[in-house]
Amino acid sequence: MAFSGKLALTMFASVIVATSAGAGSAHAMERGPDGSLYGSLALGTDGGTFYGAAWNYPDWNSSDADALGQCGHQGCDVLAQFRDGCGAIAESADHQYYHGGTGRSRYEAEQDAMNRLTNWMPAPATPMFGSSAPPKQSVHVRYTQCTDGA
């Protein structure tokens, strides 16, 4: 899922509440009926940048609810849902665009998020001198989380 933020010159305030004592351990290794562990990553950017992460849940409804609760902001959306693996959120260099990605490993999830964001975000409006097509801005991984065993 993609997300376009409204962060022009807003001060960056990152809130990650999900730590080893938070969302992940609250339901540590509580597998679902299918034997899987589920996780979700949420993001909100209205007035700052807010994150929520929940992992090792028995289903996505539970992990979504906790990730949104951890995000703690009315404008938060779930950007990544992962099962027996990892989720990541990629961010554009100008902090305007975000996209979630998933994979069986941390590396795969991060690559997926960056590739999805690069393919999704618009190209710059003004071409660079001597270029037929303007390059898209760079992206980087902002947050990654995995279920146990991934």
N, C-alpha and C. Protein backbone atom coordinates (compact mmCIF):
# COMPACT_ATOMS: atom_id res chain seq x y z
N MET A 1 0.84 -1.16 0.00
CA MET A 1 0.00 0.00 0.00
C MET A 1 0.89 1.23 0.00
N ALA A 2 0.48 2.26 -0.68
CA ALA A 2 1.26 3.49 -0.79
C ALA A 2 0.63 4.58 0.06
N PHE A 3 1.40 5.59 0.32
CA PHE A 3 0.94 6.68 1.16
C PHE A 3 1.68 7.94 0.77
N SER A 4 0.96 9.01 0.55
CA SER A 4 1.58 10.29 0.24
C SER A 4 1.41 11.19 1.45
N GLY A 5 2.50 11.63 2.03
CA GLY A 5 2.46 12.45 3.23
C GLY A 5 2.35 13.93 2.93
N LYS A 6 2.06 14.70 3.95
CA LYS A 6 1.98 16.15 3.83
C LYS A 6 3.05 16.73 4.74
N LEU A 7 4.30 16.55 4.38
CA LEU A 7 5.39 16.92 5.28
C LEU A 7 6.29 18.03 4.76
N ALA A 8 5.85 18.96 3.99
CA ALA A 8 6.73 19.94 3.34
C ALA A 8 7.92 20.32 4.21
N LEU A 9 7.75 21.17 5.18
CA LEU A 9 8.85 21.56 6.05
C LEU A 9 8.54 21.22 7.50
N THR A 10 7.72 20.22 7.68
CA THR A 10 7.32 19.83 9.02
C THR A 10 8.48 19.18 9.76
N MET A 11 8.60 19.50 11.01
CA MET A 11 9.66 18.89 11.81
C MET A 11 9.41 17.39 11.91
N PHE A 12 10.46 16.61 11.72
CA PHE A 12 10.35 15.16 11.73
C PHE A 12 10.24 14.68 13.17
N ALA A 13 9.12 14.03 13.47
CA ALA A 13 8.92 13.48 14.81
C ALA A 13 8.52 12.03 14.67
N SER A 14 9.43 11.16 14.88
CA SER A 14 9.18 9.73 14.72
C SER A 14 8.82 9.11 16.05
N VAL A 15 7.72 8.38 16.06
CA VAL A 15 7.30 7.72 17.27
C VAL A 15 7.15 6.24 16.97
N ILE A 16 8.07 5.45 17.50
CA ILE A 16 7.95 4.01 17.36
C ILE A 16 7.75 3.45 18.75
N VAL A 17 6.55 2.99 19.01
CA VAL A 17 6.22 2.51 20.33
C VAL A 17 6.42 1.00 20.43
N ALA A 18 6.43 0.33 19.31
CA ALA A 18 6.53 -1.12 19.32
C ALA A 18 7.98 -1.54 19.51
N THR A 19 8.31 -1.90 20.73
CA THR A 19 9.65 -2.39 21.04
C THR A 19 9.52 -3.80 21.56
N SER A 20 10.60 -4.36 22.02
CA SER A 20 10.53 -5.73 22.52
C SER A 20 9.61 -5.84 23.72
N ALA A 21 9.35 -4.74 24.39
CA ALA A 21 8.43 -4.77 25.51
C ALA A 21 7.03 -4.34 25.08
N GLY A 22 6.85 -4.05 23.80
CA GLY A 22 5.58 -3.53 23.32
C GLY A 22 4.79 -4.52 22.52
N ALA A 23 4.37 -4.09 21.35
CA ALA A 23 3.42 -4.84 20.54
C ALA A 23 3.87 -6.25 20.23
N GLY A 24 5.12 -6.43 19.94
CA GLY A 24 5.59 -7.75 19.52
C GLY A 24 5.53 -8.79 20.59
N SER A 25 5.83 -8.43 21.83
CA SER A 25 5.88 -9.43 22.87
C SER A 25 4.54 -9.63 23.54
N ALA A 26 3.59 -8.73 23.31
CA ALA A 26 2.29 -8.87 23.95
C ALA A 26 1.61 -10.16 23.54
N HIS A 27 1.86 -10.61 22.34
CA HIS A 27 1.29 -11.85 21.85
C HIS A 27 2.39 -12.72 21.27
N ALA A 28 3.53 -12.74 21.94
CA ALA A 28 4.69 -13.47 21.41
C ALA A 28 4.33 -14.91 21.10
N MET A 29 4.55 -15.26 19.86
CA MET A 29 4.36 -16.62 19.39
C MET A 29 2.93 -17.14 19.54
N GLU A 30 1.95 -16.24 19.49
CA GLU A 30 0.56 -16.68 19.50
C GLU A 30 0.15 -16.95 18.06
N ARG A 31 0.33 -18.20 17.66
CA ARG A 31 0.06 -18.59 16.27
C ARG A 31 -1.43 -18.67 16.01
N GLY A 32 -1.79 -18.40 14.76
CA GLY A 32 -3.18 -18.49 14.35
C GLY A 32 -3.58 -19.94 14.13
N PRO A 33 -4.85 -20.17 13.81
CA PRO A 33 -5.34 -21.53 13.56
C PRO A 33 -4.58 -22.24 12.44
N ASP A 34 -4.01 -21.46 11.53
CA ASP A 34 -3.25 -22.05 10.42
C ASP A 34 -1.78 -22.27 10.79
N GLY A 35 -1.41 -21.95 12.04
CA GLY A 35 -0.03 -22.13 12.49
C GLY A 35 0.89 -20.97 12.16
N SER A 36 0.34 -19.90 11.59
CA SER A 36 1.16 -18.76 11.15
C SER A 36 1.19 -17.64 12.18
N LEU A 37 2.20 -16.80 12.06
CA LEU A 37 2.32 -15.57 12.83
C LEU A 37 2.11 -14.40 11.88
N TYR A 38 1.33 -13.41 12.32
CA TYR A 38 0.96 -12.28 11.48
C TYR A 38 1.50 -10.98 12.06
N GLY A 39 1.75 -10.02 11.17
CA GLY A 39 2.22 -8.71 11.60
C GLY A 39 1.73 -7.62 10.69
N SER A 40 1.75 -6.39 11.21
CA SER A 40 1.30 -5.22 10.46
C SER A 40 2.17 -4.02 10.82
N LEU A 41 2.36 -3.13 9.83
CA LEU A 41 3.06 -1.86 10.05
C LEU A 41 2.12 -0.74 9.64
N ALA A 42 1.99 0.27 10.49
CA ALA A 42 1.11 1.41 10.22
C ALA A 42 1.94 2.69 10.20
N LEU A 43 1.42 3.68 9.48
CA LEU A 43 2.11 4.96 9.35
C LEU A 43 1.09 6.08 9.26
N GLY A 44 1.41 7.21 9.88
CA GLY A 44 0.64 8.43 9.76
C GLY A 44 1.59 9.60 9.62
N THR A 45 1.25 10.59 8.79
CA THR A 45 2.17 11.71 8.57
C THR A 45 1.51 13.08 8.72
N ASP A 46 0.39 13.17 9.36
CA ASP A 46 -0.26 14.46 9.55
C ASP A 46 0.30 15.13 10.80
N GLY A 47 1.18 16.12 10.63
CA GLY A 47 1.77 16.82 11.76
C GLY A 47 3.03 16.16 12.30
N GLY A 48 3.61 15.27 11.56
CA GLY A 48 4.81 14.54 11.97
C GLY A 48 4.81 13.18 11.29
N THR A 49 5.68 12.32 11.72
CA THR A 49 5.70 10.96 11.17
C THR A 49 5.54 10.00 12.33
N PHE A 50 4.49 9.19 12.28
CA PHE A 50 4.14 8.29 13.36
C PHE A 50 4.09 6.86 12.84
N TYR A 51 4.67 5.93 13.61
CA TYR A 51 4.72 4.53 13.21
C TYR A 51 4.05 3.66 14.26
N GLY A 52 3.56 2.54 13.81
CA GLY A 52 3.07 1.51 14.71
C GLY A 52 3.44 0.16 14.13
N ALA A 53 3.85 -0.75 14.97
CA ALA A 53 4.24 -2.09 14.52
C ALA A 53 3.68 -3.13 15.47
N ALA A 54 3.16 -4.19 14.91
CA ALA A 54 2.65 -5.30 15.71
C ALA A 54 3.02 -6.59 14.99
N TRP A 55 3.56 -7.54 15.73
CA TRP A 55 3.99 -8.80 15.10
C TRP A 55 3.77 -9.95 16.07
N ASN A 56 3.78 -11.16 15.54
CA ASN A 56 3.55 -12.39 16.30
C ASN A 56 2.11 -12.50 16.80
N TYR A 57 1.17 -12.12 15.95
CA TYR A 57 -0.25 -12.20 16.26
C TYR A 57 -0.89 -13.38 15.52
N PRO A 58 -2.07 -13.85 15.99
CA PRO A 58 -2.72 -15.00 15.35
C PRO A 58 -3.47 -14.66 14.07
N ASP A 59 -3.67 -13.36 13.78
CA ASP A 59 -4.39 -12.96 12.56
C ASP A 59 -4.10 -11.49 12.27
N TRP A 60 -4.46 -11.07 11.04
CA TRP A 60 -4.22 -9.68 10.65
C TRP A 60 -5.17 -8.71 11.33
N ASN A 61 -6.38 -9.12 11.66
CA ASN A 61 -7.27 -8.19 12.36
C ASN A 61 -6.64 -7.72 13.66
N SER A 62 -6.04 -8.66 14.40
CA SER A 62 -5.40 -8.32 15.68
C SER A 62 -4.15 -7.48 15.47
N SER A 63 -3.31 -7.87 14.51
CA SER A 63 -2.07 -7.11 14.30
C SER A 63 -2.37 -5.72 13.73
N ASP A 64 -3.36 -5.61 12.83
CA ASP A 64 -3.75 -4.30 12.31
C ASP A 64 -4.21 -3.38 13.44
N ALA A 65 -5.09 -3.90 14.29
CA ALA A 65 -5.63 -3.09 15.38
C ALA A 65 -4.52 -2.59 16.30
N ASP A 66 -3.56 -3.47 16.63
CA ASP A 66 -2.49 -3.04 17.52
C ASP A 66 -1.53 -2.08 16.82
N ALA A 67 -1.21 -2.33 15.56
CA ALA A 67 -0.31 -1.42 14.83
C ALA A 67 -0.92 -0.02 14.75
N LEU A 68 -2.22 0.05 14.47
CA LEU A 68 -2.90 1.35 14.42
C LEU A 68 -2.92 2.01 15.79
N GLY A 69 -3.14 1.20 16.83
CA GLY A 69 -3.10 1.72 18.20
C GLY A 69 -1.72 2.22 18.58
N GLN A 70 -0.69 1.48 18.19
CA GLN A 70 0.69 1.89 18.48
C GLN A 70 1.04 3.17 17.72
N CYS A 71 0.52 3.30 16.51
CA CYS A 71 0.77 4.51 15.71
C CYS A 71 0.22 5.73 16.45
N GLY A 72 -0.94 5.54 17.08
CA GLY A 72 -1.47 6.55 17.96
C GLY A 72 -1.90 7.85 17.33
N HIS A 73 -2.20 7.84 16.05
CA HIS A 73 -2.58 9.07 15.36
C HIS A 73 -3.82 8.77 14.54
N GLN A 74 -4.75 9.71 14.51
CA GLN A 74 -6.01 9.49 13.81
C GLN A 74 -5.81 9.19 12.32
N GLY A 75 -4.78 9.74 11.70
CA GLY A 75 -4.55 9.56 10.27
C GLY A 75 -3.69 8.37 9.90
N CYS A 76 -3.46 7.43 10.81
CA CYS A 76 -2.60 6.29 10.51
C CYS A 76 -3.31 5.28 9.61
N ASP A 77 -2.53 4.68 8.72
CA ASP A 77 -3.02 3.62 7.84
C ASP A 77 -2.05 2.45 7.90
N VAL A 78 -2.57 1.24 7.73
CA VAL A 78 -1.71 0.05 7.66
C VAL A 78 -1.09 0.02 6.27
N LEU A 79 0.25 0.02 6.20
CA LEU A 79 0.95 0.00 4.91
C LEU A 79 1.49 -1.38 4.56
N ALA A 80 1.65 -2.25 5.54
CA ALA A 80 2.18 -3.59 5.25
C ALA A 80 1.57 -4.60 6.20
N GLN A 81 1.16 -5.73 5.64
CA GLN A 81 0.72 -6.89 6.41
C GLN A 81 1.60 -8.06 6.00
N PHE A 82 2.16 -8.77 6.97
CA PHE A 82 3.06 -9.87 6.65
C PHE A 82 2.71 -11.10 7.48
N ARG A 83 2.99 -12.26 6.92
CA ARG A 83 2.71 -13.54 7.58
C ARG A 83 3.97 -14.39 7.52
N ASP A 84 4.42 -14.86 8.68
CA ASP A 84 5.63 -15.68 8.77
C ASP A 84 6.76 -15.06 7.96
N GLY A 85 6.98 -13.79 8.15
CA GLY A 85 8.01 -13.08 7.39
C GLY A 85 8.20 -11.69 7.94
N CYS A 86 8.48 -10.76 7.04
CA CYS A 86 8.83 -9.40 7.43
C CYS A 86 8.02 -8.37 6.65
N GLY A 87 7.88 -7.21 7.24
CA GLY A 87 7.28 -6.06 6.58
C GLY A 87 8.22 -4.87 6.70
N ALA A 88 8.17 -3.98 5.73
CA ALA A 88 9.03 -2.80 5.74
C ALA A 88 8.26 -1.61 5.18
N ILE A 89 8.68 -0.42 5.58
CA ILE A 89 8.15 0.82 5.03
C ILE A 89 9.31 1.58 4.42
N ALA A 90 9.17 1.93 3.14
CA ALA A 90 10.17 2.75 2.44
C ALA A 90 9.67 4.18 2.38
N GLU A 91 10.62 5.12 2.33
CA GLU A 91 10.31 6.54 2.34
C GLU A 91 11.11 7.23 1.23
N SER A 92 10.49 8.20 0.57
CA SER A 92 11.21 8.97 -0.45
C SER A 92 12.16 9.96 0.22
N ALA A 93 13.15 10.41 -0.54
CA ALA A 93 14.17 11.32 0.00
C ALA A 93 13.56 12.62 0.51
N ASP A 94 12.46 13.07 -0.09
CA ASP A 94 11.84 14.32 0.36
C ASP A 94 10.79 14.10 1.45
N HIS A 95 10.65 12.88 1.94
CA HIS A 95 9.71 12.53 3.02
C HIS A 95 8.25 12.77 2.63
N GLN A 96 7.96 12.73 1.36
CA GLN A 96 6.60 12.96 0.88
C GLN A 96 5.84 11.67 0.58
N TYR A 97 6.56 10.61 0.25
CA TYR A 97 5.93 9.37 -0.21
C TYR A 97 6.44 8.18 0.59
N TYR A 98 5.52 7.23 0.84
CA TYR A 98 5.83 6.03 1.60
C TYR A 98 5.16 4.84 0.93
N HIS A 99 5.74 3.67 1.10
CA HIS A 99 5.12 2.45 0.58
C HIS A 99 5.55 1.28 1.43
N GLY A 100 4.64 0.36 1.64
CA GLY A 100 4.95 -0.85 2.39
C GLY A 100 5.38 -1.97 1.46
N GLY A 101 6.10 -2.92 2.01
CA GLY A 101 6.52 -4.11 1.27
C GLY A 101 6.65 -5.28 2.23
N THR A 102 6.66 -6.48 1.67
CA THR A 102 6.77 -7.69 2.49
C THR A 102 7.73 -8.68 1.85
N GLY A 103 8.17 -9.63 2.65
CA GLY A 103 9.05 -10.67 2.15
C GLY A 103 9.31 -11.72 3.21
N ARG A 104 9.91 -12.82 2.81
CA ARG A 104 10.23 -13.90 3.74
C ARG A 104 11.37 -13.52 4.68
N SER A 105 12.20 -12.55 4.28
CA SER A 105 13.32 -12.10 5.10
C SER A 105 13.30 -10.57 5.18
N ARG A 106 14.10 -10.04 6.09
CA ARG A 106 14.22 -8.59 6.22
C ARG A 106 14.67 -7.96 4.90
N TYR A 107 15.68 -8.56 4.28
CA TYR A 107 16.21 -8.05 3.01
C TYR A 107 15.12 -8.03 1.93
N GLU A 108 14.37 -9.14 1.80
CA GLU A 108 13.31 -9.20 0.78
C GLU A 108 12.23 -8.15 1.03
N ALA A 109 11.84 -7.97 2.28
CA ALA A 109 10.80 -6.97 2.60
C ALA A 109 11.28 -5.56 2.29
N GLU A 110 12.52 -5.27 2.64
CA GLU A 110 13.06 -3.93 2.38
C GLU A 110 13.18 -3.67 0.88
N GLN A 111 13.65 -4.65 0.12
CA GLN A 111 13.75 -4.49 -1.33
C GLN A 111 12.37 -4.31 -1.95
N ASP A 112 11.39 -5.10 -1.48
CA ASP A 112 10.03 -5.00 -1.99
C ASP A 112 9.46 -3.60 -1.73
N ALA A 113 9.62 -3.08 -0.52
CA ALA A 113 9.10 -1.75 -0.19
C ALA A 113 9.76 -0.67 -1.05
N MET A 114 11.08 -0.73 -1.20
CA MET A 114 11.77 0.28 -2.01
C MET A 114 11.39 0.18 -3.48
N ASN A 115 11.28 -1.04 -4.01
CA ASN A 115 10.88 -1.21 -5.42
C ASN A 115 9.47 -0.72 -5.65
N ARG A 116 8.55 -1.06 -4.75
CA ARG A 116 7.16 -0.62 -4.90
C ARG A 116 7.06 0.90 -4.85
N LEU A 117 7.79 1.52 -3.93
CA LEU A 117 7.76 2.98 -3.83
C LEU A 117 8.35 3.63 -5.08
N THR A 118 9.48 3.13 -5.53
CA THR A 118 10.12 3.69 -6.73
C THR A 118 9.19 3.60 -7.93
N ASN A 119 8.50 2.48 -8.09
CA ASN A 119 7.58 2.29 -9.22
C ASN A 119 6.30 3.09 -9.07
N TRP A 120 5.88 3.36 -7.85
CA TRP A 120 4.61 4.03 -7.60
C TRP A 120 4.71 5.55 -7.65
N MET A 121 5.77 6.13 -7.09
CA MET A 121 5.80 7.59 -6.95
C MET A 121 6.01 8.28 -8.30
N PRO A 122 5.47 9.47 -8.43
CA PRO A 122 5.56 10.18 -9.70
C PRO A 122 6.99 10.65 -9.99
N ALA A 123 7.27 10.79 -11.27
CA ALA A 123 8.56 11.35 -11.69
C ALA A 123 8.54 12.85 -11.46
N PRO A 124 9.69 13.47 -11.26
CA PRO A 124 9.73 14.92 -11.09
C PRO A 124 9.13 15.62 -12.31
N ALA A 125 8.52 16.77 -12.09
CA ALA A 125 7.86 17.50 -13.17
C ALA A 125 8.85 18.12 -14.14
N THR A 126 10.03 18.48 -13.68
CA THR A 126 11.01 19.14 -14.53
C THR A 126 12.14 18.20 -14.90
N PRO A 127 12.35 17.96 -16.20
CA PRO A 127 13.47 17.09 -16.59
C PRO A 127 14.80 17.74 -16.27
N MET A 128 15.77 16.91 -15.97
CA MET A 128 17.12 17.42 -15.72
C MET A 128 17.77 17.78 -17.04
N PHE A 129 18.68 18.74 -17.03
CA PHE A 129 19.36 19.20 -18.23
C PHE A 129 20.05 18.03 -18.93
N GLY A 130 19.81 17.89 -20.22
CA GLY A 130 20.45 16.85 -21.01
C GLY A 130 19.84 15.48 -20.84
N SER A 131 18.72 15.39 -20.17
CA SER A 131 18.09 14.09 -19.94
C SER A 131 16.75 14.04 -20.64
N SER A 132 16.44 12.92 -21.24
CA SER A 132 15.15 12.78 -21.91
C SER A 132 14.05 12.46 -20.91
N ALA A 133 14.39 11.79 -19.85
CA ALA A 133 13.40 11.46 -18.83
C ALA A 133 13.98 11.79 -17.45
N PRO A 134 13.22 12.53 -16.65
CA PRO A 134 13.75 12.89 -15.34
C PRO A 134 13.84 11.67 -14.43
N PRO A 135 14.91 11.58 -13.66
CA PRO A 135 15.03 10.44 -12.74
C PRO A 135 14.11 10.63 -11.54
N LYS A 136 13.67 9.54 -10.98
CA LYS A 136 12.89 9.61 -9.75
C LYS A 136 13.86 9.81 -8.59
N GLN A 137 13.35 10.37 -7.52
CA GLN A 137 14.21 10.60 -6.37
C GLN A 137 14.55 9.29 -5.66
N SER A 138 15.57 9.34 -4.86
CA SER A 138 16.00 8.13 -4.16
C SER A 138 15.03 7.78 -3.04
N VAL A 139 15.05 6.52 -2.66
CA VAL A 139 14.21 6.03 -1.57
C VAL A 139 15.10 5.26 -0.59
N HIS A 140 14.62 5.14 0.63
CA HIS A 140 15.33 4.36 1.64
C HIS A 140 14.32 3.69 2.56
N VAL A 141 14.79 2.72 3.31
CA VAL A 141 13.93 2.00 4.25
C VAL A 141 13.83 2.81 5.53
N ARG A 142 12.61 3.01 5.98
CA ARG A 142 12.36 3.77 7.21
C ARG A 142 12.19 2.86 8.41
N TYR A 143 11.54 1.69 8.22
CA TYR A 143 11.27 0.79 9.34
C TYR A 143 11.05 -0.62 8.81
N THR A 144 11.54 -1.60 9.56
CA THR A 144 11.37 -3.02 9.20
C THR A 144 11.08 -3.81 10.47
N GLN A 145 10.20 -4.80 10.35
CA GLN A 145 9.91 -5.69 11.47
C GLN A 145 9.60 -7.08 10.93
N CYS A 146 9.97 -8.11 11.68
CA CYS A 146 9.72 -9.50 11.27
C CYS A 146 9.03 -10.28 12.38
N THR A 147 8.26 -11.28 11.99
CA THR A 147 7.72 -12.21 12.97
C THR A 147 8.86 -13.11 13.45
N ASP A 148 8.68 -13.74 14.59
CA ASP A 148 9.70 -14.65 15.10
C ASP A 148 9.94 -15.77 14.10
N GLY A 149 11.18 -16.12 13.94
CA GLY A 149 11.55 -17.21 13.05
C GLY A 149 11.78 -16.80 11.61
N ALA A 150 11.51 -15.54 11.28
CA ALA A 150 11.71 -15.09 9.89
C ALA A 150 13.11 -14.58 9.68
